[in-house]
Amino acid sequence: MAEIINDDGILRCEHVADKFGARPANENTALASLPLHDNGYVSLLATYGSDQLIVDAARVSYGKGTTQKRSPAALIRYLVRHKHTSPLEQAEVTFFLRAPIFVVRQIIRHRTANVNEYSARYSELSDDFYLPGRSHLSEQSTNNKQGRGKKVGDDKYEKIQMEFVQAQQNAFDTYGRLLKDHNVARELARVVTPVGAYTELYWKCDLHNFMHFLNLRMDDHAQREVRDYANAMYACAKPYFPHAFKAWEDYVRNSYTLSAAECKMLGAALRTIDNNHSWPQNSYGMTDREYADFKFFLEQTCSQSE
């Protein structure tokens, strides 16, 4: 696959050698593709539907001949804002992923997707494995049990990388001996392979649940490597549902949901700042309905804090 950047900035990359034999027969038909780390990549193979399909699905309940008061973009924004998500489930994305097993295990936790993965029972695993680069290699966080802290110092980096290389290479050497020297069944020999080994899979998901996946896996609290894959998947899919993803960015990805206690705290802060409740004019790109709803929310929040 030649390296071509299309009008949307999506790179279609030349893939690494196919050691699995599992990828699509004609991978040049991929809509978009991005390389990741040393041996991984994300390919968007297909999409089903569009922004217009989402709009049509939302309007079906009104019947033929109903006046369409909202533009497609405005209707999608209304759906996402008010969490009317079923029309989004009409659209789908299908990816082909090459990723380390520990990344795939986090992706598969999202059980709303349809997955078919390479089987190490039927075939031998590739001997490629994930090696964390300098920007990804960090110490354990001191205040987060599942997170990373400061970057590993340059004086330790090469030594630690060699530990990764030796451990994983030794595992693959053992795997090879079990298969070739001892004729151990593939389904048993695979138990010695590390979770840094690469696997490949087809991953299909409707747009609503894909957005939920992105919201969790693009978050700063997610593991760095799975964030890399989620970001790449988002970059590939975004141009095909521009209105839906813009609404998702505004109302989900870049928004913040307040708890009851946080609402009371906000109300107390607003009352302290301005007892007259003279709210700013709508100069933030909100529709009149959004502005009215938010103004009502602020007024209610202030009254609750009294």
Foldseek 3Di string as FASTA:
>chain_A
DPFDQDPLRATDHDADDPPQPPDDPDLVQFLGKDADADHKIKTWNDKPDELVQLVCVVCVVVPPPDDDPDDSLVVLLVCVQVVVCPSLQRMKIKMKIKAQQVLVVVVVVLVQKDKDWRDLQVDPFDLDFGQDDQVQAFDCDPPDRPDGDGGDDPVCVVVVSVVVVVQQVVLVVQLVCCCPVVVHRSVVSCVSHDSRGIIIMMIMHGRSSLLVVLLVQCDPPHRPRNVVVSVSVCSSCCVRHVSNVVSCVVNPNVDDDDDPVRLLVLLVVVCVVDVVLPDDDPPPPDDPVVVVVVSVSSVVSVVVND
